[in-house]
Amino acid sequence: MRKKATEVKENLAQYYDRHRVLDEIEDSPVEFSLEEELRAQILGGKRRRRLQNISIKLDPAQIQALRKIATMKSIPYQTLIRQWLAEGIRKELLKRNN
Protein backbone atom coordinates (compact mmCIF):
# COMPACT_ATOMS: atom_id res chain seq x y z
CA MET A 1 0.00 0.00 0.00
CA ARG A 2 1.31 3.49 -0.87
CA LYS A 3 2.11 6.01 1.82
CA LYS A 4 0.39 9.35 1.75
CA ALA A 5 2.51 12.28 0.58
CA THR A 6 2.27 13.97 3.98
CA GLU A 7 3.57 10.82 5.70
CA VAL A 8 6.52 10.67 3.33
CA LYS A 9 7.32 14.36 3.91
CA GLU A 10 7.16 13.91 7.69
CA ASN A 11 9.38 10.84 7.47
CA LEU A 12 11.92 12.73 5.37
CA ALA A 13 11.91 15.65 7.81
CA GLN A 14 12.47 13.25 10.72
CA TYR A 15 15.24 11.48 8.82
CA TYR A 16 17.10 14.71 8.09
CA ASP A 17 16.62 15.92 11.66
CA ARG A 18 18.10 12.67 13.00
CA HIS A 19 21.03 12.51 10.58
CA ARG A 20 21.84 16.24 10.70
CA VAL A 21 22.85 16.39 7.04
CA LEU A 22 22.87 20.19 7.10
CA ASP A 23 25.96 20.03 9.33
CA GLU A 24 27.79 18.37 6.44
CA ILE A 25 27.18 21.21 3.99
CA GLU A 26 30.25 23.35 3.51
CA ASP A 27 29.90 27.07 2.96
CA SER A 28 32.96 27.66 0.83
CA PRO A 29 33.62 29.32 -2.51
CA VAL A 30 32.96 27.22 -5.59
CA GLU A 31 35.40 27.45 -8.46
CA PHE A 32 33.64 28.25 -11.72
CA SER A 33 35.36 28.44 -15.06
CA LEU A 34 34.48 28.66 -18.73
CA GLU A 35 36.58 28.30 -21.82
CA GLU A 36 38.11 31.71 -22.46
CA GLU A 37 36.53 32.03 -25.92
CA LEU A 38 33.03 31.27 -24.59
CA ARG A 39 33.54 33.66 -21.68
CA ALA A 40 34.62 36.43 -24.06
CA GLN A 41 31.60 35.81 -26.31
CA ILE A 42 29.20 36.01 -23.37
CA LEU A 43 30.78 39.17 -21.95
CA GLY A 44 30.91 40.76 -25.38
CA GLY A 45 27.31 39.84 -26.20
CA LYS A 46 28.54 38.07 -29.34
CA ARG A 47 27.30 34.57 -28.56
CA ARG A 48 25.54 33.01 -31.54
CA ARG A 49 21.90 32.21 -30.85
CA ARG A 50 21.01 28.58 -30.77
CA LEU A 51 18.20 28.29 -28.27
CA GLN A 52 17.38 25.18 -26.30
CA ASN A 53 14.11 24.50 -24.49
CA ILE A 54 14.16 24.03 -20.72
CA SER A 55 11.48 23.65 -18.13
CA ILE A 56 11.39 25.49 -14.80
CA LYS A 57 8.70 25.88 -12.19
CA LEU A 58 7.77 29.43 -11.23
CA ASP A 59 5.28 30.88 -8.83
CA PRO A 60 2.14 31.97 -10.75
CA ALA A 61 2.49 35.47 -9.28
CA GLN A 62 6.02 35.69 -10.70
CA ILE A 63 4.76 34.67 -14.14
CA GLN A 64 2.01 37.26 -14.01
CA ALA A 65 4.52 39.93 -12.98
CA LEU A 66 6.91 38.87 -15.77
CA ARG A 67 4.14 39.13 -18.34
CA LYS A 68 3.09 42.59 -17.13
CA ILE A 69 6.66 43.89 -17.16
CA ALA A 70 7.26 42.41 -20.62
CA THR A 71 4.03 44.00 -21.89
CA MET A 72 5.17 47.39 -20.57
CA LYS A 73 8.47 46.92 -22.43
CA SER A 74 6.65 45.66 -25.56
CA ILE A 75 8.60 42.41 -25.69
CA PRO A 76 7.61 38.76 -25.19
CA TYR A 77 7.99 37.60 -21.59
CA GLN A 78 10.35 34.77 -22.52
CA THR A 79 12.64 37.29 -24.19
CA LEU A 80 12.59 39.34 -20.99
CA ILE A 81 13.57 36.26 -18.97
CA ARG A 82 16.45 35.52 -21.39
CA GLN A 83 17.65 39.13 -21.12
CA TRP A 84 17.60 39.01 -17.33
CA LEU A 85 19.42 35.67 -17.26
CA ALA A 86 22.08 36.94 -19.68
CA GLU A 87 22.54 40.07 -17.54
CA GLY A 88 22.90 37.98 -14.38
CA ILE A 89 25.42 35.66 -16.01
CA ARG A 90 27.50 38.61 -17.25
CA LYS A 91 27.47 40.19 -13.78
CA GLU A 92 28.63 36.93 -12.16
CA LEU A 93 31.42 36.49 -14.72
CA LEU A 94 32.59 40.07 -14.23
CA LYS A 95 32.44 39.71 -10.44
CA ARG A 96 34.65 36.64 -10.56
CA ASN A 97 37.12 38.46 -12.82
CA ASN A 98 37.74 41.20 -10.22
C-alpha atoms as a PDB file:
ATOM      1  CA  MET A   1       0.000   0.000   0.000  1.00  0.00           C
ATOM      2  CA  ARG A   2       1.306   3.488  -0.870  1.00  0.00           C
ATOM      3  CA  LYS A   3       2.110   6.014   1.821  1.00  0.00           C
ATOM      4  CA  LYS A   4       0.386   9.354   1.745  1.00  0.00           C
ATOM      5  CA  ALA A   5       2.512  12.284   0.577  1.00  0.00           C
ATOM      6  CA  THR A   6       2.267  13.969   3.984  1.00  0.00           C
ATOM      7  CA  GLU A   7       3.571  10.820   5.699  1.00  0.00           C
ATOM      8  CA  VAL A   8       6.522  10.670   3.330  1.00  0.00           C
ATOM      9  CA  LYS A   9       7.321  14.357   3.913  1.00  0.00           C
ATOM     10  CA  GLU A  10       7.158  13.907   7.686  1.00  0.00           C
ATOM     11  CA  ASN A  11       9.379  10.838   7.469  1.00  0.00           C
ATOM     12  CA  LEU A  12      11.923  12.732   5.369  1.00  0.00           C
ATOM     13  CA  ALA A  13      11.911  15.647   7.807  1.00  0.00           C
ATOM     14  CA  GLN A  14      12.472  13.251  10.717  1.00  0.00           C
ATOM     15  CA  TYR A  15      15.242  11.476   8.815  1.00  0.00           C
ATOM     16  CA  TYR A  16      17.095  14.713   8.086  1.00  0.00           C
ATOM     17  CA  ASP A  17      16.620  15.919  11.663  1.00  0.00           C
ATOM     18  CA  ARG A  18      18.100  12.669  12.997  1.00  0.00           C
ATOM     19  CA  HIS A  19      21.029  12.510  10.578  1.00  0.00           C
ATOM     20  CA  ARG A  20      21.843  16.244  10.704  1.00  0.00           C
ATOM     21  CA  VAL A  21      22.853  16.386   7.038  1.00  0.00           C
ATOM     22  CA  LEU A  22      22.870  20.187   7.098  1.00  0.00           C
ATOM     23  CA  ASP A  23      25.958  20.029   9.329  1.00  0.00           C
ATOM     24  CA  GLU A  24      27.791  18.371   6.437  1.00  0.00           C
ATOM     25  CA  ILE A  25      27.181  21.211   3.990  1.00  0.00           C
ATOM     26  CA  GLU A  26      30.253  23.348   3.510  1.00  0.00           C
ATOM     27  CA  ASP A  27      29.904  27.070   2.957  1.00  0.00           C
ATOM     28  CA  SER A  28      32.960  27.663   0.834  1.00  0.00           C
ATOM     29  CA  PRO A  29      33.616  29.324  -2.514  1.00  0.00           C
ATOM     30  CA  VAL A  30      32.961  27.219  -5.587  1.00  0.00           C
ATOM     31  CA  GLU A  31      35.397  27.447  -8.458  1.00  0.00           C
ATOM     32  CA  PHE A  32      33.638  28.252 -11.715  1.00  0.00           C
ATOM     33  CA  SER A  33      35.359  28.437 -15.056  1.00  0.00           C
ATOM     34  CA  LEU A  34      34.475  28.655 -18.729  1.00  0.00           C
ATOM     35  CA  GLU A  35      36.583  28.296 -21.817  1.00  0.00           C
ATOM     36  CA  GLU A  36      38.115  31.711 -22.459  1.00  0.00           C
ATOM     37  CA  GLU A  37      36.530  32.026 -25.921  1.00  0.00           C
ATOM     38  CA  LEU A  38      33.028  31.269 -24.590  1.00  0.00           C
ATOM     39  CA  ARG A  39      33.542  33.663 -21.679  1.00  0.00           C
ATOM     40  CA  ALA A  40      34.622  36.433 -24.057  1.00  0.00           C
ATOM     41  CA  GLN A  41      31.604  35.812 -26.311  1.00  0.00           C
ATOM     42  CA  ILE A  42      29.202  36.012 -23.366  1.00  0.00           C
ATOM     43  CA  LEU A  43      30.777  39.165 -21.946  1.00  0.00           C
ATOM     44  CA  GLY A  44      30.912  40.758 -25.381  1.00  0.00           C
ATOM     45  CA  GLY A  45      27.312  39.842 -26.204  1.00  0.00           C
ATOM     46  CA  LYS A  46      28.535  38.066 -29.336  1.00  0.00           C
ATOM     47  CA  ARG A  47      27.302  34.573 -28.564  1.00  0.00           C
ATOM     48  CA  ARG A  48      25.541  33.009 -31.541  1.00  0.00           C
ATOM     49  CA  ARG A  49      21.898  32.214 -30.854  1.00  0.00           C
ATOM     50  CA  ARG A  50      21.010  28.579 -30.768  1.00  0.00           C
ATOM     51  CA  LEU A  51      18.203  28.285 -28.269  1.00  0.00           C
ATOM     52  CA  GLN A  52      17.375  25.177 -26.296  1.00  0.00           C
ATOM     53  CA  ASN A  53      14.114  24.497 -24.494  1.00  0.00           C
ATOM     54  CA  ILE A  54      14.164  24.032 -20.716  1.00  0.00           C
ATOM     55  CA  SER A  55      11.475  23.646 -18.126  1.00  0.00           C
ATOM     56  CA  ILE A  56      11.386  25.495 -14.801  1.00  0.00           C
ATOM     57  CA  LYS A  57       8.703  25.879 -12.190  1.00  0.00           C
ATOM     58  CA  LEU A  58       7.770  29.430 -11.233  1.00  0.00           C
ATOM     59  CA  ASP A  59       5.275  30.885  -8.828  1.00  0.00           C
ATOM     60  CA  PRO A  60       2.142  31.971 -10.747  1.00  0.00           C
ATOM     61  CA  ALA A  61       2.486  35.468  -9.278  1.00  0.00           C
ATOM     62  CA  GLN A  62       6.018  35.689 -10.702  1.00  0.00           C
ATOM     63  CA  ILE A  63       4.758  34.666 -14.139  1.00  0.00           C
ATOM     64  CA  GLN A  64       2.009  37.264 -14.010  1.00  0.00           C
ATOM     65  CA  ALA A  65       4.525  39.932 -12.977  1.00  0.00           C
ATOM     66  CA  LEU A  66       6.906  38.871 -15.767  1.00  0.00           C
ATOM     67  CA  ARG A  67       4.143  39.125 -18.340  1.00  0.00           C
ATOM     68  CA  LYS A  68       3.094  42.588 -17.129  1.00  0.00           C
ATOM     69  CA  ILE A  69       6.665  43.893 -17.156  1.00  0.00           C
ATOM     70  CA  ALA A  70       7.255  42.408 -20.616  1.00  0.00           C
ATOM     71  CA  THR A  71       4.032  44.002 -21.891  1.00  0.00           C
ATOM     72  CA  MET A  72       5.165  47.391 -20.570  1.00  0.00           C
ATOM     73  CA  LYS A  73       8.471  46.920 -22.430  1.00  0.00           C
ATOM     74  CA  SER A  74       6.650  45.660 -25.560  1.00  0.00           C
ATOM     75  CA  ILE A  75       8.602  42.405 -25.691  1.00  0.00           C
ATOM     76  CA  PRO A  76       7.606  38.759 -25.194  1.00  0.00           C
ATOM     77  CA  TYR A  77       7.987  37.604 -21.586  1.00  0.00           C
ATOM     78  CA  GLN A  78      10.351  34.767 -22.516  1.00  0.00           C
ATOM     79  CA  THR A  79      12.644  37.291 -24.190  1.00  0.00           C
ATOM     80  CA  LEU A  80      12.593  39.337 -20.987  1.00  0.00           C
ATOM     81  CA  ILE A  81      13.569  36.259 -18.969  1.00  0.00           C
ATOM     82  CA  ARG A  82      16.448  35.517 -21.386  1.00  0.00           C
ATOM     83  CA  GLN A  83      17.647  39.128 -21.122  1.00  0.00           C
ATOM     84  CA  TRP A  84      17.604  39.013 -17.325  1.00  0.00           C
ATOM     85  CA  LEU A  85      19.420  35.669 -17.261  1.00  0.00           C
ATOM     86  CA  ALA A  86      22.076  36.943 -19.680  1.00  0.00           C
ATOM     87  CA  GLU A  87      22.541  40.066 -17.545  1.00  0.00           C
ATOM     88  CA  GLY A  88      22.899  37.983 -14.375  1.00  0.00           C
ATOM     89  CA  ILE A  89      25.416  35.658 -16.010  1.00  0.00           C
ATOM     90  CA  ARG A  90      27.501  38.609 -17.251  1.00  0.00           C
ATOM     91  CA  LYS A  91      27.466  40.186 -13.777  1.00  0.00           C
ATOM     92  CA  GLU A  92      28.635  36.934 -12.156  1.00  0.00           C
ATOM     93  CA  LEU A  93      31.417  36.490 -14.717  1.00  0.00           C
ATOM     94  CA  LEU A  94      32.592  40.072 -14.232  1.00  0.00           C
ATOM     95  CA  LYS A  95      32.438  39.715 -10.445  1.00  0.00           C
ATOM     96  CA  ARG A  96      34.652  36.640 -10.561  1.00  0.00           C
ATOM     97  CA  ASN A  97      37.123  38.464 -12.818  1.00  0.00           C
ATOM     98  CA  ASN A  98      37.739  41.205 -10.221  1.00  0.00           C
END
